[in-house]
Amino acid sequence: MKVGLGTAEPQMVADTIRLKIFPAFIADVTDGDVHVELRGEGELEIAATVTGGPAVNVSATGHHLVLLKGGTGIRTVRRK
């Protein structure tokens, strides 16, 4: 998978990026899913535009979001 933070071009990411502040980002999910997890209090929200896939706009709110391979949508996983 490829991820670009802010306005940076997406680069290959082999494992985990840990951030204290979550900026805007670009995720290329052509070849794999991207998982976004909040490890503190509250919830995170993603609103996105999809290119190269059947979905155009997607949004999700939760603690653990999975941007699905192929750019088809987002799956939200709630923490218990």
PDB file of N, CA and C in Angstrom:
ATOM      1  N   MET A   1       0.833  -1.171   0.000  1.00  0.00           N
ATOM      2  CA  MET A   1       0.000   0.000   0.000  1.00  0.00           C
ATOM      3  C   MET A   1       0.878   1.235   0.000  1.00  0.00           C
ATOM      4  N   LYS A   2       0.325   2.349  -0.445  1.00  0.00           N
ATOM      5  CA  LYS A   2       1.047   3.621  -0.462  1.00  0.00           C
ATOM      6  C   LYS A   2       0.254   4.651   0.319  1.00  0.00           C
ATOM      7  N   VAL A   3       0.964   5.458   1.114  1.00  0.00           N
ATOM      8  CA  VAL A   3       0.333   6.517   1.896  1.00  0.00           C
ATOM      9  C   VAL A   3       1.170   7.778   1.767  1.00  0.00           C
ATOM     10  N   GLY A   4       0.499   8.923   1.561  1.00  0.00           N
ATOM     11  CA  GLY A   4       1.163  10.220   1.544  1.00  0.00           C
ATOM     12  C   GLY A   4       0.532  11.108   2.593  1.00  0.00           C
ATOM     13  N   LEU A   5       1.342  11.728   3.442  1.00  0.00           N
ATOM     14  CA  LEU A   5       0.823  12.605   4.482  1.00  0.00           C
ATOM     15  C   LEU A   5       0.789  14.040   3.984  1.00  0.00           C
ATOM     16  N   GLY A   6      -0.261  14.768   4.336  1.00  0.00           N
ATOM     17  CA  GLY A   6      -0.422  16.134   3.847  1.00  0.00           C
ATOM     18  C   GLY A   6      -0.592  16.117   2.336  1.00  0.00           C
ATOM     19  N   THR A   7       0.234  16.874   1.647  1.00  0.00           N
ATOM     20  CA  THR A   7       0.137  16.924   0.182  1.00  0.00           C
ATOM     21  C   THR A   7       1.224  16.091  -0.489  1.00  0.00           C
ATOM     22  N   ALA A   8       1.962  15.288   0.299  1.00  0.00           N
ATOM     23  CA  ALA A   8       3.055  14.477  -0.249  1.00  0.00           C
ATOM     24  C   ALA A   8       2.517  13.355  -1.140  1.00  0.00           C
ATOM     25  N   GLU A   9       3.299  13.004  -2.156  1.00  0.00           N
ATOM     26  CA  GLU A   9       2.944  11.876  -3.014  1.00  0.00           C
ATOM     27  C   GLU A   9       2.965  10.595  -2.188  1.00  0.00           C
ATOM     28  N   PRO A  10       2.048   9.680  -2.435  1.00  0.00           N
ATOM     29  CA  PRO A  10       2.057   8.416  -1.694  1.00  0.00           C
ATOM     30  C   PRO A  10       3.347   7.632  -1.918  1.00  0.00           C
ATOM     31  N   GLN A  11       3.893   7.089  -0.825  1.00  0.00           N
ATOM     32  CA  GLN A  11       5.086   6.250  -0.849  1.00  0.00           C
ATOM     33  C   GLN A  11       4.739   4.883  -0.277  1.00  0.00           C
ATOM     34  N   MET A  12       5.470   3.868  -0.667  1.00  0.00           N
ATOM     35  CA  MET A  12       5.235   2.529  -0.145  1.00  0.00           C
ATOM     36  C   MET A  12       5.435   2.510   1.371  1.00  0.00           C
ATOM     37  N   VAL A  13       4.504   1.874   2.076  1.00  0.00           N
ATOM     38  CA  VAL A  13       4.589   1.724   3.523  1.00  0.00           C
ATOM     39  C   VAL A  13       4.510   0.235   3.829  1.00  0.00           C
ATOM     40  N   ALA A  14       5.505  -0.280   4.516  1.00  0.00           N
ATOM     41  CA  ALA A  14       5.545  -1.710   4.805  1.00  0.00           C
ATOM     42  C   ALA A  14       4.791  -2.067   6.080  1.00  0.00           C
ATOM     43  N   ASP A  15       4.685  -1.111   7.015  1.00  0.00           N
ATOM     44  CA  ASP A  15       4.103  -1.466   8.296  1.00  0.00           C
ATOM     45  C   ASP A  15       3.270  -0.326   8.852  1.00  0.00           C
ATOM     46  N   THR A  16       3.626   0.198  10.003  1.00  0.00           N
ATOM     47  CA  THR A  16       2.786   1.123  10.759  1.00  0.00           C
ATOM     48  C   THR A  16       3.375   2.526  10.788  1.00  0.00           C
ATOM     49  N   ILE A  17       2.509   3.520  10.636  1.00  0.00           N
ATOM     50  CA  ILE A  17       2.873   4.918  10.862  1.00  0.00           C
ATOM     51  C   ILE A  17       2.136   5.344  12.126  1.00  0.00           C
ATOM     52  N   ARG A  18       2.871   5.821  13.117  1.00  0.00           N
ATOM     53  CA  ARG A  18       2.255   6.271  14.367  1.00  0.00           C
ATOM     54  C   ARG A  18       2.384   7.794  14.449  1.00  0.00           C
ATOM     55  N   LEU A  19       1.252   8.464  14.663  1.00  0.00           N
ATOM     56  CA  LEU A  19       1.240   9.924  14.701  1.00  0.00           C
ATOM     57  C   LEU A  19       0.492  10.421  15.927  1.00  0.00           C
ATOM     58  N   LYS A  20       0.955  11.513  16.532  1.00  0.00           N
ATOM     59  CA  LYS A  20       0.216  12.158  17.622  1.00  0.00           C
ATOM     60  C   LYS A  20      -0.814  13.120  17.060  1.00  0.00           C
ATOM     61  N   ILE A  21      -0.518  13.707  15.907  1.00  0.00           N
ATOM     62  CA  ILE A  21      -1.443  14.597  15.203  1.00  0.00           C
ATOM     63  C   ILE A  21      -1.713  13.970  13.847  1.00  0.00           C
ATOM     64  N   PHE A  22      -2.983  13.843  13.501  1.00  0.00           N
ATOM     65  CA  PHE A  22      -3.355  13.150  12.272  1.00  0.00           C
ATOM     66  C   PHE A  22      -3.668  14.173  11.181  1.00  0.00           C
ATOM     67  N   PRO A  23      -2.761  14.332  10.215  1.00  0.00           N
ATOM     68  CA  PRO A  23      -2.981  15.327   9.162  1.00  0.00           C
ATOM     69  C   PRO A  23      -3.853  14.764   8.043  1.00  0.00           C
ATOM     70  N   ALA A  24      -4.121  15.587   7.062  1.00  0.00           N
ATOM     71  CA  ALA A  24      -4.755  15.082   5.840  1.00  0.00           C
ATOM     72  C   ALA A  24      -3.802  14.082   5.210  1.00  0.00           C
ATOM     73  N   PHE A  25      -4.341  13.100   4.501  1.00  0.00           N
ATOM     74  CA  PHE A  25      -3.475  12.119   3.871  1.00  0.00           C
ATOM     75  C   PHE A  25      -4.096  11.580   2.596  1.00  0.00           C
ATOM     76  N   ILE A  26      -3.255  11.000   1.781  1.00  0.00           N
ATOM     77  CA  ILE A  26      -3.675  10.339   0.545  1.00  0.00           C
ATOM     78  C   ILE A  26      -3.309   8.869   0.689  1.00  0.00           C
ATOM     79  N   ALA A  27      -4.238   7.973   0.391  1.00  0.00           N
ATOM     80  CA  ALA A  27      -3.962   6.541   0.477  1.00  0.00           C
ATOM     81  C   ALA A  27      -4.258   5.894  -0.864  1.00  0.00           C
ATOM     82  N   ASP A  28      -3.288   5.168  -1.380  1.00  0.00           N
ATOM     83  CA  ASP A  28      -3.467   4.399  -2.604  1.00  0.00           C
ATOM     84  C   ASP A  28      -3.772   2.968  -2.193  1.00  0.00           C
ATOM     85  N   VAL A  29      -5.034   2.565  -2.352  1.00  0.00           N
ATOM     86  CA  VAL A  29      -5.457   1.231  -1.922  1.00  0.00           C
ATOM     87  C   VAL A  29      -5.669   0.297  -3.116  1.00  0.00           C
ATOM     88  N   THR A  30      -4.916   0.533  -4.179  1.00  0.00           N
ATOM     89  CA  THR A  30      -5.003  -0.323  -5.356  1.00  0.00           C
ATOM     90  C   THR A  30      -4.617  -1.757  -5.018  1.00  0.00           C
ATOM     91  N   ASP A  31      -3.557  -1.918  -4.223  1.00  0.00           N
ATOM     92  CA  ASP A  31      -3.026  -3.257  -3.955  1.00  0.00           C
ATOM     93  C   ASP A  31      -3.231  -3.746  -2.526  1.00  0.00           C
ATOM     94  N   GLY A  32      -3.841  -2.952  -1.650  1.00  0.00           N
ATOM     95  CA  GLY A  32      -4.040  -3.405  -0.277  1.00  0.00           C
ATOM     96  C   GLY A  32      -4.877  -2.436   0.522  1.00  0.00           C
ATOM     97  N   ASP A  33      -5.407  -2.915   1.650  1.00  0.00           N
ATOM     98  CA  ASP A  33      -6.201  -2.089   2.554  1.00  0.00           C
ATOM     99  C   ASP A  33      -5.291  -1.160   3.349  1.00  0.00           C
ATOM    100  N   VAL A  34      -5.854  -0.036   3.822  1.00  0.00           N
ATOM    101  CA  VAL A  34      -5.167   0.844   4.761  1.00  0.00           C
ATOM    102  C   VAL A  34      -6.019   0.893   6.024  1.00  0.00           C
ATOM    103  N   HIS A  35      -5.415   0.587   7.176  1.00  0.00           N
ATOM    104  CA  HIS A  35      -6.112   0.605   8.454  1.00  0.00           C
ATOM    105  C   HIS A  35      -5.730   1.885   9.192  1.00  0.00           C
ATOM    106  N   VAL A  36      -6.730   2.596   9.727  1.00  0.00           N
ATOM    107  CA  VAL A  36      -6.506   3.812  10.507  1.00  0.00           C
ATOM    108  C   VAL A  36      -7.127   3.569  11.870  1.00  0.00           C
ATOM    109  N   GLU A  37      -6.322   3.646  12.938  1.00  0.00           N
ATOM    110  CA  GLU A  37      -6.842   3.357  14.270  1.00  0.00           C
ATOM    111  C   GLU A  37      -6.513   4.478  15.236  1.00  0.00           C
ATOM    112  N   LEU A  38      -7.526   4.928  15.992  1.00  0.00           N
ATOM    113  CA  LEU A  38      -7.362   5.915  17.056  1.00  0.00           C
ATOM    114  C   LEU A  38      -7.077   5.159  18.344  1.00  0.00           C
ATOM    115  N   ARG A  39      -5.949   5.466  18.989  1.00  0.00           N
ATOM    116  CA  ARG A  39      -5.556   4.750  20.198  1.00  0.00           C
ATOM    117  C   ARG A  39      -5.868   5.526  21.468  1.00  0.00           C
ATOM    118  N   GLY A  40      -6.585   6.641  21.369  1.00  0.00           N
ATOM    119  CA  GLY A  40      -6.932   7.446  22.543  1.00  0.00           C
ATOM    120  C   GLY A  40      -8.428   7.590  22.678  1.00  0.00           C
ATOM    121  N   GLU A  41      -8.835   8.595  23.405  1.00  0.00           N
ATOM    122  CA  GLU A  41     -10.257   8.868  23.599  1.00  0.00           C
ATOM    123  C   GLU A  41     -10.865   9.509  22.360  1.00  0.00           C
ATOM    124  N   GLY A  42     -12.181   9.406  22.221  1.00  0.00           N
ATOM    125  CA  GLY A  42     -12.892  10.065  21.136  1.00  0.00           C
ATOM    126  C   GLY A  42     -13.020   9.187  19.904  1.00  0.00           C
ATOM    127  N   GLU A  43     -13.355   9.824  18.801  1.00  0.00           N
ATOM    128  CA  GLU A  43     -13.531   9.131  17.530  1.00  0.00           C
ATOM    129  C   GLU A  43     -12.852   9.930  16.447  1.00  0.00           C
ATOM    130  N   LEU A  44     -12.504   9.246  15.361  1.00  0.00           N
ATOM    131  CA  LEU A  44     -11.982   9.942  14.193  1.00  0.00           C
ATOM    132  C   LEU A  44     -13.012   9.850  13.083  1.00  0.00           C
ATOM    133  N   GLU A  45     -12.954  10.799  12.181  1.00  0.00           N
ATOM    134  CA  GLU A  45     -13.896  10.834  11.075  1.00  0.00           C
ATOM    135  C   GLU A  45     -13.124  11.039   9.783  1.00  0.00           C
ATOM    136  N   ILE A  46     -13.508  10.290   8.765  1.00  0.00           N
ATOM    137  CA  ILE A  46     -12.873  10.428   7.451  1.00  0.00           C
ATOM    138  C   ILE A  46     -13.943  10.766   6.429  1.00  0.00           C
ATOM    139  N   ALA A  47     -13.677  11.787   5.642  1.00  0.00           N
ATOM    140  CA  ALA A  47     -14.491  12.114   4.471  1.00  0.00           C
ATOM    141  C   ALA A  47     -13.517  12.104   3.309  1.00  0.00           C
ATOM    142  N   ALA A  48     -13.865  11.421   2.230  1.00  0.00           N
ATOM    143  CA  ALA A  48     -12.883  11.233   1.165  1.00  0.00           C
ATOM    144  C   ALA A  48     -13.510  11.247  -0.211  1.00  0.00           C
ATOM    145  N   THR A  49     -12.676  11.484  -1.184  1.00  0.00           N
ATOM    146  CA  THR A  49     -13.035  11.344  -2.594  1.00  0.00           C
ATOM    147  C   THR A  49     -12.240  10.179  -3.140  1.00  0.00           C
ATOM    148  N   VAL A  50     -12.897   9.291  -3.835  1.00  0.00           N
ATOM    149  CA  VAL A  50     -12.243   8.101  -4.384  1.00  0.00           C
ATOM    150  C   VAL A  50     -11.974   8.302  -5.860  1.00  0.00           C
ATOM    151  N   THR A  51     -10.771   7.969  -6.282  1.00  0.00           N
ATOM    152  CA  THR A  51     -10.447   8.004  -7.706  1.00  0.00           C
ATOM    153  C   THR A  51     -10.093   6.598  -8.161  1.00  0.00           C
ATOM    154  N   GLY A  52     -10.466   6.249  -9.355  1.00  0.00           N
ATOM    155  CA  GLY A  52     -10.114   4.952  -9.921  1.00  0.00           C
ATOM    156  C   GLY A  52     -10.949   3.794  -9.432  1.00  0.00           C
ATOM    157  N   GLY A  53     -12.072   4.053  -8.765  1.00  0.00           N
ATOM    158  CA  GLY A  53     -12.921   2.974  -8.269  1.00  0.00           C
ATOM    159  C   GLY A  53     -14.380   3.311  -8.467  1.00  0.00           C
ATOM    160  N   PRO A  54     -15.265   2.374  -8.155  1.00  0.00           N
ATOM    161  CA  PRO A  54     -16.695   2.616  -8.349  1.00  0.00           C
ATOM    162  C   PRO A  54     -17.293   3.628  -7.379  1.00  0.00           C
ATOM    163  N   ALA A  55     -16.704   3.787  -6.175  1.00  0.00           N
ATOM    164  CA  ALA A  55     -17.212   4.768  -5.221  1.00  0.00           C
ATOM    165  C   ALA A  55     -16.659   6.142  -5.571  1.00  0.00           C
ATOM    166  N   VAL A  56     -17.406   7.189  -5.305  1.00  0.00           N
ATOM    167  CA  VAL A  56     -16.938   8.547  -5.567  1.00  0.00           C
ATOM    168  C   VAL A  56     -16.594   9.247  -4.253  1.00  0.00           C
ATOM    169  N   ASN A  57     -17.532   9.286  -3.322  1.00  0.00           N
ATOM    170  CA  ASN A  57     -17.309   9.904  -2.021  1.00  0.00           C
ATOM    171  C   ASN A  57     -17.607   8.886  -0.930  1.00  0.00           C
ATOM    172  N   VAL A  58     -16.773   8.862   0.094  1.00  0.00           N
ATOM    173  CA  VAL A  58     -16.998   7.956   1.210  1.00  0.00           C
ATOM    174  C   VAL A  58     -16.784   8.708   2.512  1.00  0.00           C
ATOM    175  N   SER A  59     -17.401   8.235   3.587  1.00  0.00           N
ATOM    176  CA  SER A  59     -17.178   8.822   4.900  1.00  0.00           C
ATOM    177  C   SER A  59     -17.379   7.744   5.952  1.00  0.00           C
ATOM    178  N   ALA A  60     -16.737   7.932   7.114  1.00  0.00           N
ATOM    179  CA  ALA A  60     -16.871   6.976   8.212  1.00  0.00           C
ATOM    180  C   ALA A  60     -16.470   7.654   9.508  1.00  0.00           C
ATOM    181  N   THR A  61     -17.023   7.160  10.618  1.00  0.00           N
ATOM    182  CA  THR A  61     -16.681   7.635  11.945  1.00  0.00           C
ATOM    183  C   THR A  61     -16.481   6.426  12.838  1.00  0.00           C
ATOM    184  N   GLY A  62     -15.452   6.442  13.642  1.00  0.00           N
ATOM    185  CA  GLY A  62     -15.215   5.327  14.553  1.00  0.00           C
ATOM    186  C   GLY A  62     -13.820   5.375  15.141  1.00  0.00           C
ATOM    187  N   HIS A  63     -13.394   4.258  15.735  1.00  0.00           N
ATOM    188  CA  HIS A  63     -12.057   4.145  16.316  1.00  0.00           C
ATOM    189  C   HIS A  63     -11.091   3.432  15.384  1.00  0.00           C
ATOM    190  N   HIS A  64     -11.597   2.554  14.549  1.00  0.00           N
ATOM    191  CA  HIS A  64     -10.752   1.780  13.651  1.00  0.00           C
ATOM    192  C   HIS A  64     -11.430   1.736  12.286  1.00  0.00           C
ATOM    193  N   LEU A  65     -10.809   2.384  11.308  1.00  0.00           N
ATOM    194  CA  LEU A  65     -11.362   2.457   9.964  1.00  0.00           C
ATOM    195  C   LEU A  65     -10.462   1.687   9.011  1.00  0.00           C
ATOM    196  N   VAL A  66     -11.060   0.943   8.109  1.00  0.00           N
ATOM    197  CA  VAL A  66     -10.307   0.209   7.104  1.00  0.00           C
ATOM    198  C   VAL A  66     -10.712   0.734   5.737  1.00  0.00           C
ATOM    199  N   LEU A  67      -9.763   1.350   5.023  1.00  0.00           N
ATOM    200  CA  LEU A  67     -10.001   1.782   3.648  1.00  0.00           C
ATOM    201  C   LEU A  67      -9.766   0.560   2.775  1.00  0.00           C
ATOM    202  N   LEU A  68     -10.803   0.076   2.146  1.00  0.00           N
ATOM    203  CA  LEU A  68     -10.762  -1.221   1.485  1.00  0.00           C
ATOM    204  C   LEU A  68      -9.981  -1.203   0.180  1.00  0.00           C
ATOM    205  N   LYS A  69      -9.294  -2.300  -0.063  1.00  0.00           N
ATOM    206  CA  LYS A  69      -8.521  -2.494  -1.290  1.00  0.00           C
ATOM    207  C   LYS A  69      -9.388  -2.219  -2.510  1.00  0.00           C
ATOM    208  N   GLY A  70      -8.835  -1.516  -3.469  1.00  0.00           N
ATOM    209  CA  GLY A  70      -9.559  -1.207  -4.694  1.00  0.00           C
ATOM    210  C   GLY A  70     -10.349   0.090  -4.630  1.00  0.00           C
ATOM    211  N   GLY A  71     -10.345   0.779  -3.490  1.00  0.00           N
ATOM    212  CA  GLY A  71     -11.042   2.057  -3.374  1.00  0.00           C
ATOM    213  C   GLY A  71     -12.545   1.941  -3.403  1.00  0.00           C
ATOM    214  N   THR A  72     -13.088   0.822  -2.896  1.00  0.00           N
ATOM    215  CA  THR A  72     -14.521   0.608  -2.988  1.00  0.00           C
ATOM    216  C   THR A  72     -15.294   1.119  -1.779  1.00  0.00           C
ATOM    217  N   GLY A  73     -14.622   1.500  -0.705  1.00  0.00           N
ATOM    218  CA  GLY A  73     -15.349   2.011   0.450  1.00  0.00           C
ATOM    219  C   GLY A  73     -14.545   1.925   1.717  1.00  0.00           C
ATOM    220  N   ILE A  74     -15.213   2.151   2.870  1.00  0.00           N
ATOM    221  CA  ILE A  74     -14.574   2.128   4.175  1.00  0.00           C
ATOM    222  C   ILE A  74     -15.400   1.236   5.089  1.00  0.00           C
ATOM    223  N   ARG A  75     -14.714   0.386   5.831  1.00  0.00           N
ATOM    224  CA  ARG A  75     -15.369  -0.440   6.848  1.00  0.00           C
ATOM    225  C   ARG A  75     -14.989   0.135   8.209  1.00  0.00           C
ATOM    226  N   THR A  76     -15.965   0.309   9.093  1.00  0.00           N
ATOM    227  CA  THR A  76     -15.729   0.869  10.422  1.00  0.00           C
ATOM    228  C   THR A  76     -15.787  -0.246  11.457  1.00  0.00           C
ATOM    229  N   VAL A  77     -14.772  -0.304  12.318  1.00  0.00           N
ATOM    230  CA  VAL A  77     -14.729  -1.289  13.391  1.00  0.00           C
ATOM    231  C   VAL A  77     -14.840  -0.543  14.701  1.00  0.00           C
ATOM    232  N   ARG A  78     -15.882  -0.818  15.485  1.00  0.00           N
ATOM    233  CA  ARG A  78     -16.090  -0.149  16.770  1.00  0.00           C
ATOM    234  C   ARG A  78     -15.348  -0.896  17.866  1.00  0.00           C
ATOM    235  N   ARG A  79     -14.695  -0.139  18.757  1.00  0.00           N
ATOM    236  CA  ARG A  79     -14.073  -0.749  19.927  1.00  0.00           C
ATOM    237  C   ARG A  79     -15.136  -0.973  20.976  1.00  0.00           C
ATOM    238  N   LYS A  80     -14.989  -2.041  21.757  1.00  0.00           N
ATOM    239  CA  LYS A  80     -15.959  -2.324  22.815  1.00  0.00           C
ATOM    240  C   LYS A  80     -15.477  -1.806  24.126  1.00  0.00           C
TER     241      LYS A  80
END
